[in-house]
């Protein structure tokens, strides 16, 4: 799978078999986001579980609001794994893109949702 196929930057609700990190709260307005292919989300989910203890298997198929602390923790966890590797794989491109996207959203008053498949 090529780098561009692991994730897509989005505006509004993304369709297909993706898990989307997006500005906004569901139901309601969904803004800018990053949609991650379902199989690539398997790489992200262990990091998400580590920083969001209330994440459950069911959220993969529903909606989860990501706190500011969890956003920062997830970005840090993804970047930490990147420091242990110098490869230029699709996985590292995904981790960099999601970490950067999350780091741009430090405001508690601006909700970020994880929208499941």
N, C-alpha and C. Protein backbone atom coordinates (compact mmCIF):
# COMPACT_ATOMS: atom_id res chain seq x y z
N UNK A 1 0.84 -1.17 0.00
CA UNK A 1 0.00 0.00 0.00
C UNK A 1 0.89 1.24 0.00
N UNK A 2 0.59 2.20 -0.81
CA UNK A 2 1.37 3.42 -0.89
C UNK A 2 0.97 4.38 0.21
N UNK A 3 1.87 5.32 0.50
CA UNK A 3 1.65 6.27 1.59
C UNK A 3 0.28 6.95 1.51
N UNK A 4 -0.08 7.45 0.35
CA UNK A 4 -1.32 8.19 0.21
C UNK A 4 -2.54 7.31 0.50
N UNK A 5 -2.39 6.01 0.40
CA UNK A 5 -3.52 5.13 0.61
C UNK A 5 -3.81 4.83 2.08
N UNK A 6 -2.91 5.12 2.99
CA UNK A 6 -3.17 4.88 4.41
C UNK A 6 -4.13 5.91 4.99
N UNK A 7 -4.07 7.13 4.50
CA UNK A 7 -4.90 8.20 5.05
C UNK A 7 -5.21 9.24 3.99
N UNK A 8 -6.27 10.00 4.27
CA UNK A 8 -6.68 11.09 3.40
C UNK A 8 -7.09 12.26 4.28
N UNK A 9 -6.64 13.46 3.94
CA UNK A 9 -7.13 14.65 4.64
C UNK A 9 -8.54 14.92 4.15
N UNK A 10 -9.43 15.31 5.05
CA UNK A 10 -10.84 15.44 4.72
C UNK A 10 -11.42 16.76 5.19
N UNK A 11 -12.56 17.09 4.64
CA UNK A 11 -13.41 18.16 5.14
C UNK A 11 -14.81 17.57 5.16
N UNK A 12 -15.43 17.55 6.33
CA UNK A 12 -16.73 16.91 6.46
C UNK A 12 -16.59 15.43 6.73
N UNK A 13 -17.71 14.77 6.79
CA UNK A 13 -17.75 13.35 7.11
C UNK A 13 -17.22 12.51 5.95
N UNK A 14 -16.27 11.64 6.24
CA UNK A 14 -15.70 10.76 5.22
C UNK A 14 -16.51 9.47 5.14
N UNK A 15 -16.64 8.95 3.98
CA UNK A 15 -17.34 7.69 3.79
C UNK A 15 -16.36 6.54 3.66
N UNK A 16 -16.89 5.38 3.46
CA UNK A 16 -16.05 4.21 3.24
C UNK A 16 -15.60 3.57 4.52
N UNK A 17 -14.74 2.59 4.38
CA UNK A 17 -14.23 1.84 5.53
C UNK A 17 -13.03 2.55 6.13
N UNK A 18 -13.34 3.64 6.83
CA UNK A 18 -12.30 4.45 7.45
C UNK A 18 -12.68 4.77 8.89
N UNK A 19 -11.66 5.10 9.65
CA UNK A 19 -11.84 5.70 10.97
C UNK A 19 -11.32 7.12 10.81
N UNK A 20 -12.14 8.08 11.18
CA UNK A 20 -11.82 9.47 10.92
C UNK A 20 -11.62 10.24 12.23
N UNK A 21 -10.52 10.96 12.31
CA UNK A 21 -10.29 11.94 13.37
C UNK A 21 -10.74 13.27 12.76
N UNK A 22 -11.64 13.98 13.43
CA UNK A 22 -12.19 15.19 12.81
C UNK A 22 -12.54 16.25 13.83
N UNK A 23 -12.45 17.49 13.40
CA UNK A 23 -12.90 18.61 14.20
C UNK A 23 -14.42 18.52 14.32
N UNK A 24 -14.92 18.77 15.52
CA UNK A 24 -16.36 18.82 15.71
C UNK A 24 -16.86 17.70 16.60
N UNK A 25 -18.14 17.73 16.82
CA UNK A 25 -18.80 16.78 17.70
C UNK A 25 -19.96 16.17 16.93
N UNK A 26 -20.10 14.86 17.01
CA UNK A 26 -21.18 14.16 16.33
C UNK A 26 -22.35 13.96 17.27
N UNK A 27 -23.59 14.16 16.90
CA UNK A 27 -23.98 14.69 15.60
C UNK A 27 -23.80 16.20 15.58
N UNK A 28 -23.58 16.69 14.43
CA UNK A 28 -23.36 18.12 14.26
C UNK A 28 -22.39 18.36 13.13
N UNK A 29 -21.79 19.53 13.16
CA UNK A 29 -20.84 19.90 12.12
C UNK A 29 -19.53 19.14 12.28
N UNK A 30 -19.10 18.51 11.23
CA UNK A 30 -17.80 17.85 11.20
C UNK A 30 -16.94 18.66 10.24
N UNK A 31 -15.79 19.08 10.73
CA UNK A 31 -14.91 19.94 9.94
C UNK A 31 -13.74 19.18 9.34
N UNK A 32 -12.58 19.79 9.41
CA UNK A 32 -11.36 19.20 8.86
C UNK A 32 -11.01 17.92 9.60
N UNK A 33 -10.43 17.01 8.90
CA UNK A 33 -10.07 15.75 9.54
C UNK A 33 -9.05 14.96 8.76
N UNK A 34 -8.81 13.78 9.27
CA UNK A 34 -7.92 12.84 8.62
C UNK A 34 -8.59 11.46 8.71
N UNK A 35 -8.89 10.89 7.55
CA UNK A 35 -9.55 9.60 7.48
C UNK A 35 -8.47 8.53 7.26
N UNK A 36 -8.52 7.50 8.08
CA UNK A 36 -7.51 6.44 8.06
C UNK A 36 -8.19 5.15 7.64
N UNK A 37 -7.60 4.49 6.68
CA UNK A 37 -8.16 3.21 6.24
C UNK A 37 -8.26 2.25 7.42
N UNK A 38 -9.30 1.44 7.42
CA UNK A 38 -9.56 0.56 8.55
C UNK A 38 -8.34 -0.29 8.92
N UNK A 39 -7.70 -0.90 7.95
CA UNK A 39 -6.57 -1.76 8.27
C UNK A 39 -5.36 -0.98 8.79
N UNK A 40 -5.22 0.26 8.37
CA UNK A 40 -4.14 1.09 8.89
C UNK A 40 -4.44 1.57 10.32
N UNK A 41 -5.71 1.68 10.66
CA UNK A 41 -6.07 2.09 12.02
C UNK A 41 -5.59 1.06 13.04
N UNK A 42 -5.42 -0.19 12.62
CA UNK A 42 -4.86 -1.21 13.52
C UNK A 42 -3.50 -0.79 14.07
N UNK A 43 -2.76 0.02 13.32
CA UNK A 43 -1.45 0.52 13.77
C UNK A 43 -1.61 1.62 14.82
N UNK A 44 -2.70 2.36 14.74
CA UNK A 44 -2.95 3.50 15.62
C UNK A 44 -3.63 3.07 16.92
N UNK A 45 -4.52 2.10 16.83
CA UNK A 45 -5.39 1.77 17.96
C UNK A 45 -4.64 1.43 19.25
N UNK A 46 -3.53 0.67 19.23
CA UNK A 46 -2.83 0.42 20.50
C UNK A 46 -2.34 1.71 21.18
N UNK A 47 -1.93 2.66 20.39
CA UNK A 47 -1.48 3.95 20.94
C UNK A 47 -2.67 4.71 21.52
N UNK A 48 -3.80 4.64 20.84
CA UNK A 48 -5.02 5.30 21.31
C UNK A 48 -5.49 4.69 22.63
N UNK A 49 -5.47 3.37 22.70
CA UNK A 49 -5.88 2.69 23.94
C UNK A 49 -5.01 3.11 25.13
N UNK A 50 -3.73 3.32 24.87
CA UNK A 50 -2.80 3.67 25.94
C UNK A 50 -3.07 5.06 26.52
N UNK A 51 -3.60 5.98 25.71
CA UNK A 51 -3.79 7.35 26.18
C UNK A 51 -5.26 7.68 26.48
N UNK A 52 -6.16 6.82 26.05
CA UNK A 52 -7.60 7.04 26.28
C UNK A 52 -8.18 5.77 26.89
N UNK A 53 -8.06 5.63 28.22
CA UNK A 53 -8.49 4.39 28.86
C UNK A 53 -9.98 4.08 28.69
N UNK A 54 -10.80 5.08 28.36
CA UNK A 54 -12.22 4.81 28.16
C UNK A 54 -12.55 4.43 26.71
N UNK A 55 -11.54 4.30 25.86
CA UNK A 55 -11.74 3.79 24.50
C UNK A 55 -12.08 2.31 24.60
N UNK A 56 -13.13 1.88 23.90
CA UNK A 56 -13.52 0.48 23.90
C UNK A 56 -13.55 -0.04 22.47
N UNK A 57 -13.65 -1.35 22.34
CA UNK A 57 -13.76 -1.95 21.00
C UNK A 57 -14.95 -1.39 20.24
N UNK A 58 -16.04 -1.12 20.94
CA UNK A 58 -17.23 -0.60 20.30
C UNK A 58 -17.06 0.78 19.68
N UNK A 59 -16.13 1.58 20.20
CA UNK A 59 -15.90 2.91 19.63
C UNK A 59 -15.35 2.85 18.22
N UNK A 60 -14.74 1.76 17.88
CA UNK A 60 -14.22 1.61 16.51
C UNK A 60 -15.37 1.67 15.50
N UNK A 61 -16.56 1.38 15.95
CA UNK A 61 -17.74 1.37 15.09
C UNK A 61 -18.74 2.46 15.46
N UNK A 62 -18.31 3.39 16.29
CA UNK A 62 -19.19 4.46 16.73
C UNK A 62 -18.46 5.78 16.77
N UNK A 63 -18.72 6.54 17.83
CA UNK A 63 -18.15 7.88 17.97
C UNK A 63 -17.48 8.00 19.33
N UNK A 64 -16.34 8.68 19.36
CA UNK A 64 -15.58 8.88 20.59
C UNK A 64 -15.03 10.30 20.56
N UNK A 65 -15.21 11.03 21.65
CA UNK A 65 -14.63 12.37 21.71
C UNK A 65 -13.26 12.29 22.38
N UNK A 66 -12.27 12.83 21.71
CA UNK A 66 -10.88 12.75 22.17
C UNK A 66 -10.53 14.00 22.96
N UNK A 67 -10.22 13.83 24.24
CA UNK A 67 -9.86 14.96 25.10
C UNK A 67 -8.53 15.57 24.65
N UNK A 68 -8.28 16.78 25.12
CA UNK A 68 -7.02 17.45 24.79
C UNK A 68 -5.83 16.62 25.30
N UNK A 69 -5.95 16.08 26.52
CA UNK A 69 -4.87 15.26 27.07
C UNK A 69 -4.61 14.02 26.23
N UNK A 70 -5.68 13.38 25.76
CA UNK A 70 -5.53 12.20 24.92
C UNK A 70 -4.94 12.57 23.56
N UNK A 71 -5.32 13.73 23.03
CA UNK A 71 -4.74 14.18 21.74
C UNK A 71 -3.23 14.34 21.88
N UNK A 72 -2.83 15.04 22.94
CA UNK A 72 -1.39 15.28 23.16
C UNK A 72 -0.66 13.97 23.42
N UNK A 73 -1.27 13.09 24.21
CA UNK A 73 -0.65 11.81 24.51
C UNK A 73 -0.51 10.93 23.28
N UNK A 74 -1.52 10.94 22.43
CA UNK A 74 -1.47 10.13 21.21
C UNK A 74 -0.40 10.66 20.26
N UNK A 75 -0.35 11.97 20.09
CA UNK A 75 0.69 12.56 19.23
C UNK A 75 2.08 12.21 19.76
N UNK A 76 2.26 12.31 21.06
CA UNK A 76 3.56 12.01 21.67
C UNK A 76 3.91 10.53 21.48
N UNK A 77 2.95 9.65 21.65
CA UNK A 77 3.18 8.22 21.49
C UNK A 77 3.57 7.88 20.05
N UNK A 78 2.87 8.48 19.09
CA UNK A 78 3.19 8.23 17.68
C UNK A 78 4.57 8.75 17.34
N UNK A 79 4.90 9.95 17.81
CA UNK A 79 6.23 10.53 17.54
C UNK A 79 7.33 9.72 18.22
N UNK A 80 7.04 9.18 19.39
CA UNK A 80 8.01 8.36 20.10
C UNK A 80 8.38 7.12 19.28
N UNK A 81 7.38 6.51 18.70
CA UNK A 81 7.67 5.34 17.85
C UNK A 81 8.47 5.74 16.62
N UNK A 82 8.23 6.93 16.10
CA UNK A 82 8.99 7.41 14.94
C UNK A 82 10.45 7.62 15.29
N UNK A 83 10.73 8.06 16.50
CA UNK A 83 12.13 8.28 16.91
C UNK A 83 12.91 6.98 16.93
N UNK A 84 12.20 5.88 17.15
CA UNK A 84 12.85 4.57 17.18
C UNK A 84 13.06 3.99 15.79
N UNK A 85 12.66 4.71 14.77
CA UNK A 85 12.75 4.20 13.41
C UNK A 85 13.07 5.34 12.46
N UNK A 86 13.92 5.08 11.50
CA UNK A 86 14.26 6.11 10.51
C UNK A 86 13.68 5.77 9.15
N UNK A 87 12.76 4.82 9.10
CA UNK A 87 12.24 4.40 7.80
C UNK A 87 11.25 5.42 7.23
N UNK A 88 11.06 5.35 5.94
CA UNK A 88 10.15 6.24 5.23
C UNK A 88 8.98 5.42 4.68
N UNK A 89 8.38 4.64 5.53
CA UNK A 89 7.29 3.76 5.12
C UNK A 89 5.95 4.48 5.19
N UNK A 90 4.93 3.80 4.69
CA UNK A 90 3.58 4.33 4.78
C UNK A 90 3.17 4.49 6.24
N UNK A 91 3.61 3.57 7.10
CA UNK A 91 3.31 3.66 8.53
C UNK A 91 3.89 4.94 9.13
N UNK A 92 5.15 5.24 8.84
CA UNK A 92 5.75 6.45 9.41
C UNK A 92 5.09 7.70 8.85
N UNK A 93 4.68 7.69 7.59
CA UNK A 93 3.97 8.83 7.01
C UNK A 93 2.63 9.03 7.72
N UNK A 94 1.93 7.94 8.00
CA UNK A 94 0.66 8.00 8.72
C UNK A 94 0.86 8.57 10.12
N UNK A 95 1.85 8.04 10.84
CA UNK A 95 2.11 8.50 12.21
C UNK A 95 2.46 9.98 12.22
N UNK A 96 3.30 10.42 11.29
CA UNK A 96 3.67 11.84 11.23
C UNK A 96 2.44 12.71 10.93
N UNK A 97 1.64 12.28 9.98
CA UNK A 97 0.46 13.07 9.59
C UNK A 97 -0.53 13.19 10.74
N UNK A 98 -0.84 12.08 11.39
CA UNK A 98 -1.82 12.12 12.48
C UNK A 98 -1.26 12.89 13.68
N UNK A 99 -0.01 12.67 14.02
CA UNK A 99 0.59 13.40 15.15
C UNK A 99 0.56 14.90 14.88
N UNK A 100 0.94 15.30 13.69
CA UNK A 100 0.93 16.73 13.34
C UNK A 100 -0.47 17.31 13.39
N UNK A 101 -1.43 16.57 12.87
CA UNK A 101 -2.82 17.03 12.86
C UNK A 101 -3.31 17.22 14.30
N UNK A 102 -3.03 16.26 15.17
CA UNK A 102 -3.45 16.35 16.57
C UNK A 102 -2.77 17.51 17.30
N UNK A 103 -1.49 17.72 17.04
CA UNK A 103 -0.75 18.79 17.69
C UNK A 103 -1.29 20.17 17.33
N UNK A 104 -1.96 20.28 16.20
CA UNK A 104 -2.56 21.55 15.79
C UNK A 104 -3.89 21.80 16.49
N UNK A 105 -4.31 20.89 17.37
CA UNK A 105 -5.61 21.00 18.03
C UNK A 105 -5.48 20.91 19.55
N UNK A 106 -4.84 21.93 20.17
CA UNK A 106 -4.63 21.89 21.62
C UNK A 106 -5.74 22.55 22.45
N UNK A 107 -6.80 23.01 21.81
CA UNK A 107 -7.83 23.80 22.48
C UNK A 107 -8.94 22.91 23.05
N UNK A 108 -9.13 22.97 24.35
CA UNK A 108 -10.16 22.18 25.03
C UNK A 108 -11.57 22.53 24.54
N UNK A 109 -11.75 23.77 24.12
CA UNK A 109 -13.07 24.21 23.68
C UNK A 109 -13.39 23.81 22.23
N UNK A 110 -12.43 23.23 21.54
CA UNK A 110 -12.64 22.79 20.16
C UNK A 110 -12.61 21.26 20.14
N UNK A 111 -13.78 20.62 20.12
CA UNK A 111 -13.84 19.17 20.20
C UNK A 111 -13.24 18.47 18.98
N UNK A 112 -12.65 17.33 19.25
CA UNK A 112 -12.16 16.44 18.20
C UNK A 112 -12.82 15.09 18.43
N UNK A 113 -13.42 14.58 17.37
CA UNK A 113 -14.11 13.29 17.46
C UNK A 113 -13.35 12.23 16.65
N UNK A 114 -13.48 11.00 17.12
CA UNK A 114 -13.02 9.85 16.35
C UNK A 114 -14.30 9.17 15.87
N UNK A 115 -14.48 9.15 14.58
CA UNK A 115 -15.69 8.62 13.96
C UNK A 115 -15.38 7.26 13.36
N UNK A 116 -15.99 6.24 13.91
CA UNK A 116 -15.70 4.87 13.49
C UNK A 116 -16.31 4.50 12.16
N UNK A 117 -16.06 3.29 11.80
CA UNK A 117 -16.48 2.74 10.51
C UNK A 117 -17.99 2.77 10.38
